Amino acid sequence: MFGNYLIGLREGLEASLVVCILVAYLVKTGRRDALRPVWMGIAIACALSLAFGAMLEFGTQELTFEAQELLGGTLSIISVGLVTWMVFWMKRTARHLKADLHGRLDTALAMGTGALVATAFLAVGREGLETALFVWASVRASGEGSSAPLIGVLLGIGTAIVLGYLFYRGTLKINLAKFFKWTGAMLVVVAAGVLAYGVHDLQEARFLGGLGNKAFDISETVPPDSWYGTLLKGVFNFQPDPTVLQLTVWLLYLVPVLTLFLVDRGRPAAPPLKARPADAGTDSTPAG
């Protein structure tokens, strides 16, 4: 459940910060008349993300077992690729996110209502679709038949919305650079588990071989239905009897990706920032 809470919190806070930047810029520049189309674009993006998630959940139920495993494994691997790209993108470009969004808004304001709706939709929609896909893959990996993973995601998103609002109002002080660095590192660990689970799905679909070739089996030491087995499964997507291929893929992803992500390229650390009520988002983007 914690791993899914982390996904909801991290992804939700990124989307919340984008919304704060858009809304605060319009308020600051005296263009409150443009808030309605912006909120409309945000609402459409949220609706599309929910519809995409529902399609993933319910649209696969009529497939055969092997088809479900093949699709699930493929989408899990795709979601890991997208999330990996996202955490590195945020690390690299977050310090310029505010200026980029402001530039897009200026262009949209000159073009009219439709452009404002499209700008808000594209800014939030990408985050929403990525989140829906990764959440679906992670929930599938960590808790089939259980509502706990989904509850964790919803609690994370709810926390992100509250934090975003407090940050916009200027009542929250947070070092976003450190927040995104450490949550990004934990998200890489979660993604490694999702990737290994996706490989297992492909093995069960008979797309990949080696399903019966176990790297180890500690099911008696760490029973999957024990409280600590459930905890390890929920946080790290831990499996007590992984195949050799699963373990190999997990290590080949986790070690280099986590190392590259945590490497400090010498850029100065950003001090803790505090948003002002009328200017939220001005200094709110994290410095990788």
Protein backbone atom coordinates (compact mmCIF):
# COMPACT_ATOMS: atom_id res chain seq x y z
CA MET A 1 0.00 0.00 0.00
CA PHE A 2 2.88 2.38 0.80
CA GLY A 3 4.37 1.99 -2.67
CA ASN A 4 1.04 2.91 -4.25
CA TYR A 5 0.61 5.82 -1.80
CA LEU A 6 4.02 7.07 -2.93
CA ILE A 7 2.97 6.88 -6.59
CA GLY A 8 -0.20 8.86 -5.91
CA LEU A 9 1.68 11.43 -3.81
CA ARG A 10 4.56 11.95 -6.21
CA GLU A 11 2.53 12.04 -9.42
CA GLY A 12 -0.31 13.98 -7.82
CA LEU A 13 2.01 16.65 -6.45
CA GLU A 14 3.60 17.17 -9.85
CA ALA A 15 0.16 17.74 -11.36
CA SER A 16 -0.81 19.99 -8.43
CA LEU A 17 2.26 22.14 -8.95
CA VAL A 18 1.45 22.51 -12.65
CA VAL A 19 -2.07 23.65 -11.74
CA CYS A 20 -0.69 26.08 -9.14
CA ILE A 21 1.68 27.61 -11.69
CA LEU A 22 -1.08 28.07 -14.27
CA VAL A 23 -3.65 29.52 -11.86
CA ALA A 24 -1.22 31.73 -9.94
CA TYR A 25 0.17 33.28 -13.14
CA LEU A 26 -3.30 34.22 -14.35
CA VAL A 27 -4.18 35.71 -10.96
CA LYS A 28 -0.91 37.63 -10.78
CA THR A 29 -1.32 39.09 -14.28
CA GLY A 30 -4.94 40.08 -13.68
CA ARG A 31 -6.39 37.58 -16.16
CA ARG A 32 -8.95 35.93 -13.90
CA ASP A 33 -11.29 35.79 -16.89
CA ALA A 34 -9.03 33.08 -18.30
CA LEU A 35 -9.36 30.85 -15.23
CA ARG A 36 -12.57 29.22 -16.45
CA PRO A 37 -11.13 27.76 -19.69
CA VAL A 38 -8.01 26.69 -17.81
CA TRP A 39 -10.08 24.81 -15.23
CA MET A 40 -12.10 23.34 -18.09
CA GLY A 41 -8.93 21.97 -19.68
CA ILE A 42 -7.79 20.56 -16.33
CA ALA A 43 -11.18 18.89 -15.80
CA ILE A 44 -11.09 17.31 -19.27
CA ALA A 45 -7.57 16.00 -18.60
CA CYS A 46 -8.67 14.45 -15.28
CA ALA A 47 -11.74 12.88 -16.89
CA LEU A 48 -9.66 11.42 -19.70
CA SER A 49 -7.15 9.98 -17.23
CA LEU A 50 -9.94 8.34 -15.21
CA ALA A 51 -11.50 6.95 -18.39
CA PHE A 52 -8.13 5.57 -19.47
CA GLY A 53 -7.67 3.89 -16.10
CA ALA A 54 -11.18 2.40 -16.25
CA MET A 55 -10.53 1.12 -19.76
CA LEU A 56 -7.36 -0.61 -18.58
CA GLU A 57 -9.16 -2.16 -15.61
CA PHE A 58 -12.40 -3.29 -17.19
CA GLY A 59 -11.43 -3.59 -20.84
CA THR A 60 -9.10 -6.54 -20.20
CA GLN A 61 -11.48 -8.71 -18.18
CA GLU A 62 -12.97 -10.48 -21.21
CA LEU A 63 -9.59 -11.57 -22.55
CA THR A 64 -8.19 -15.07 -22.13
CA PHE A 65 -5.71 -15.64 -19.31
CA GLU A 66 -2.70 -15.68 -21.61
CA ALA A 67 -3.91 -12.57 -23.43
CA GLN A 68 -4.40 -10.76 -20.11
CA GLU A 69 -0.90 -11.68 -18.98
CA LEU A 70 0.63 -10.65 -22.30
CA LEU A 71 -1.15 -7.30 -22.28
CA GLY A 72 -0.49 -6.73 -18.58
CA GLY A 73 3.20 -7.55 -18.90
CA THR A 74 3.63 -5.33 -21.95
CA LEU A 75 1.84 -2.36 -20.35
CA SER A 76 3.80 -2.82 -17.13
CA ILE A 77 7.08 -2.55 -19.03
CA ILE A 78 5.81 0.49 -20.96
CA SER A 79 4.69 2.16 -17.72
CA VAL A 80 8.12 1.60 -16.17
CA GLY A 81 9.72 3.22 -19.21
CA LEU A 82 7.42 6.24 -18.96
CA VAL A 83 7.96 6.67 -15.22
CA THR A 84 11.73 6.35 -15.61
CA TRP A 85 11.67 9.03 -18.29
CA MET A 86 9.46 11.21 -16.09
CA VAL A 87 11.68 11.15 -12.99
CA PHE A 88 14.78 11.98 -15.04
CA TRP A 89 12.87 14.66 -16.97
CA MET A 90 11.74 16.28 -13.73
CA LYS A 91 15.27 16.17 -12.36
CA ARG A 92 16.69 17.77 -15.52
CA THR A 93 14.11 20.41 -16.45
CA ALA A 94 12.04 21.20 -13.36
CA ARG A 95 13.91 24.46 -12.71
CA HIS A 96 12.63 25.71 -16.10
CA LEU A 97 9.08 24.35 -15.79
CA LYS A 98 7.59 27.61 -14.50
CA ALA A 99 9.03 29.72 -17.32
CA ASP A 100 7.93 27.16 -19.91
CA LEU A 101 4.35 27.09 -18.64
CA HIS A 102 4.22 30.88 -18.45
CA GLY A 103 5.36 31.09 -22.06
CA ARG A 104 2.68 28.65 -23.16
CA LEU A 105 0.03 30.61 -21.28
CA ASP A 106 1.09 33.89 -22.87
CA THR A 107 0.77 32.32 -26.31
CA ALA A 108 -2.61 30.79 -25.46
CA LEU A 109 -3.94 34.07 -24.06
CA ALA A 110 -3.18 35.74 -27.37
CA MET A 111 -4.94 32.97 -29.32
CA GLY A 112 -8.18 32.74 -27.33
CA THR A 113 -10.32 30.44 -25.21
CA GLY A 114 -9.74 27.23 -27.17
CA ALA A 115 -5.99 27.60 -26.88
CA LEU A 116 -6.27 28.10 -23.11
CA VAL A 117 -8.32 24.91 -22.75
CA ALA A 118 -5.80 23.01 -24.87
CA THR A 119 -2.81 24.38 -22.95
CA ALA A 120 -4.21 23.34 -19.57
CA PHE A 121 -5.34 19.99 -20.95
CA LEU A 122 -1.91 19.14 -22.37
CA ALA A 123 -0.05 20.36 -19.28
CA VAL A 124 -2.09 18.17 -16.91
CA GLY A 125 -3.14 15.39 -19.27
CA ARG A 126 0.34 13.98 -19.79
CA GLU A 127 0.81 13.63 -16.05
CA GLY A 128 -2.65 12.08 -15.71
CA LEU A 129 -2.22 9.44 -18.43
CA GLU A 130 1.22 8.45 -17.16
CA THR A 131 -0.16 8.18 -13.63
CA ALA A 132 -3.17 6.10 -14.72
CA LEU A 133 -0.96 3.61 -16.57
CA PHE A 134 1.65 3.26 -13.82
CA VAL A 135 -0.97 3.06 -11.08
CA TRP A 136 -2.80 0.32 -12.98
CA ALA A 137 0.41 -1.65 -13.46
CA SER A 138 1.51 -1.16 -9.84
CA VAL A 139 -1.89 -2.06 -8.36
CA ARG A 140 -1.96 -5.15 -10.55
CA ALA A 141 1.53 -6.11 -9.38
CA SER A 142 1.10 -5.50 -5.68
CA GLY A 143 -2.45 -6.45 -4.78
CA GLU A 144 -4.67 -8.39 -7.12
CA GLY A 145 -7.99 -9.00 -5.43
CA SER A 146 -7.31 -6.38 -2.77
CA SER A 147 -8.53 -2.81 -2.48
CA ALA A 148 -5.55 -1.70 -0.35
CA PRO A 149 -3.30 -0.65 -3.29
CA LEU A 150 -6.06 1.47 -4.84
CA ILE A 151 -6.82 3.04 -1.46
CA GLY A 152 -3.12 3.86 -1.12
CA VAL A 153 -3.11 5.60 -4.50
CA LEU A 154 -6.22 7.62 -3.67
CA LEU A 155 -4.77 8.66 -0.29
CA GLY A 156 -1.56 9.75 -2.02
CA ILE A 157 -3.46 11.82 -4.59
CA GLY A 158 -5.59 13.34 -1.83
CA THR A 159 -2.47 14.28 0.14
CA ALA A 160 -0.95 15.83 -2.99
CA ILE A 161 -4.06 17.97 -3.57
CA VAL A 162 -3.95 19.24 0.03
CA LEU A 163 -0.22 19.97 -0.20
CA GLY A 164 -0.69 21.75 -3.52
CA TYR A 165 -3.43 23.95 -2.06
CA LEU A 166 -1.37 24.78 1.04
CA PHE A 167 1.62 25.59 -1.13
CA TYR A 168 -0.50 27.87 -3.32
CA ARG A 169 -1.87 29.69 -0.27
CA GLY A 170 1.68 30.26 1.00
CA THR A 171 1.17 28.31 4.22
CA LEU A 172 3.51 25.43 3.35
CA LYS A 173 7.29 25.57 3.30
CA ILE A 174 9.00 22.61 1.65
CA ASN A 175 12.31 21.84 -0.02
CA LEU A 176 10.95 20.54 -3.29
CA ALA A 177 14.39 19.61 -4.60
CA LYS A 178 14.94 17.11 -1.80
CA PHE A 179 11.33 15.94 -1.90
CA PHE A 180 11.44 15.05 -5.59
CA LYS A 181 14.92 13.57 -5.29
CA TRP A 182 14.06 11.07 -2.56
CA THR A 183 10.54 10.26 -3.73
CA GLY A 184 11.97 9.81 -7.22
CA ALA A 185 14.54 7.35 -5.86
CA MET A 186 11.82 5.39 -4.05
CA LEU A 187 9.70 5.45 -7.19
CA VAL A 188 12.58 3.85 -9.11
CA VAL A 189 12.58 1.02 -6.53
CA VAL A 190 8.83 0.57 -6.98
CA ALA A 191 9.26 0.64 -10.77
CA ALA A 192 11.87 -2.13 -10.54
CA GLY A 193 9.29 -4.34 -8.82
CA VAL A 194 6.66 -3.51 -11.44
CA LEU A 195 9.16 -4.36 -14.19
CA ALA A 196 9.94 -7.73 -12.62
CA TYR A 197 6.23 -8.45 -12.28
CA GLY A 198 5.71 -7.50 -15.92
CA VAL A 199 8.40 -10.00 -16.95
CA HIS A 200 6.65 -12.66 -14.86
CA ASP A 201 3.39 -11.88 -16.70
CA LEU A 202 5.14 -12.39 -20.04
CA GLN A 203 6.50 -15.69 -18.77
CA GLU A 204 3.02 -16.80 -17.73
CA ALA A 205 1.76 -15.79 -21.17
CA ARG A 206 4.47 -18.09 -22.62
CA PHE A 207 5.94 -15.13 -24.47
CA LEU A 208 9.15 -15.55 -22.46
CA GLY A 209 10.57 -18.80 -21.16
CA GLY A 210 12.05 -19.78 -17.80
CA LEU A 211 8.86 -19.72 -15.70
CA GLY A 212 9.90 -22.82 -13.78
CA ASN A 213 13.52 -21.71 -13.34
CA LYS A 214 13.46 -20.13 -9.88
CA ALA A 215 16.32 -17.98 -8.62
CA PHE A 216 15.39 -18.89 -5.03
CA ASP A 217 12.32 -19.76 -2.99
CA ILE A 218 11.98 -18.41 0.54
CA SER A 219 8.19 -18.78 0.74
CA GLU A 220 8.50 -20.72 4.00
CA THR A 221 10.69 -18.02 5.56
CA VAL A 222 8.66 -15.11 4.18
CA PRO A 223 5.11 -16.42 3.64
CA PRO A 224 3.24 -14.20 1.14
CA ASP A 225 0.19 -14.09 3.44
CA SER A 226 2.17 -13.02 6.53
CA TRP A 227 2.12 -9.40 7.69
CA TYR A 228 5.77 -8.88 6.77
CA GLY A 229 5.33 -10.67 3.44
CA THR A 230 2.34 -8.46 2.69
CA LEU A 231 4.34 -5.38 3.71
CA LEU A 232 7.27 -6.29 1.46
CA LYS A 233 4.88 -7.02 -1.39
CA GLY A 234 3.05 -3.72 -0.95
CA VAL A 235 6.16 -1.56 -0.67
CA PHE A 236 8.66 -3.24 -3.01
CA ASN A 237 6.48 -5.69 -5.02
CA PHE A 238 8.64 -8.35 -3.36
CA GLN A 239 8.18 -11.94 -4.53
CA PRO A 240 9.60 -14.78 -2.38
CA ASP A 241 10.11 -17.09 -5.38
CA PRO A 242 11.21 -15.02 -8.40
CA THR A 243 12.45 -16.60 -11.59
CA VAL A 244 16.05 -16.15 -12.67
CA LEU A 245 14.91 -13.84 -15.46
CA GLN A 246 12.85 -11.69 -13.07
CA LEU A 247 15.76 -11.27 -10.68
CA THR A 248 18.18 -10.52 -13.51
CA VAL A 249 15.91 -7.86 -15.04
CA TRP A 250 15.25 -6.35 -11.58
CA LEU A 251 18.99 -5.97 -10.90
CA LEU A 252 19.84 -4.73 -14.40
CA TYR A 253 17.21 -2.00 -14.05
CA LEU A 254 17.52 -0.99 -10.40
CA VAL A 255 21.28 -0.71 -9.94
CA PRO A 256 22.22 1.49 -12.94
CA VAL A 257 19.00 3.57 -12.97
CA LEU A 258 19.11 4.33 -9.25
CA THR A 259 22.82 5.14 -9.43
CA LEU A 260 22.34 7.51 -12.36
CA PHE A 261 19.36 9.19 -10.71
CA LEU A 262 21.17 9.83 -7.42
CA VAL A 263 24.35 11.15 -9.07
CA ASP A 264 24.82 14.81 -8.18
CA ARG A 265 26.28 16.62 -11.16
CA GLY A 266 27.52 19.48 -9.03
CA ARG A 267 24.58 21.83 -9.35
CA PRO A 268 23.98 23.96 -6.25
CA ALA A 269 21.19 22.77 -4.01
CA ALA A 270 18.07 24.88 -3.89
CA PRO A 271 17.05 26.34 -0.53
CA PRO A 272 13.62 25.59 0.94
CA LEU A 273 10.99 27.65 -0.87
CA LYS A 274 7.74 29.17 0.26
CA ALA A 275 5.05 30.17 -2.19
CA ARG A 276 3.24 33.48 -1.85
CA PRO A 277 -0.58 33.44 -2.08
CA ALA A 278 -0.69 35.69 -5.16
CA ASP A 279 2.41 34.23 -6.76
CA ALA A 280 2.29 30.47 -6.10
CA GLY A 281 4.47 28.59 -8.49
CA THR A 282 6.86 31.52 -9.08
CA ASP A 283 9.62 29.76 -7.17
CA SER A 284 7.86 26.51 -6.54
CA THR A 285 9.49 24.28 -9.10
CA PRO A 286 12.16 21.94 -7.75
CA ALA A 287 15.77 22.28 -8.72
CA GLY A 288 16.84 18.76 -9.73
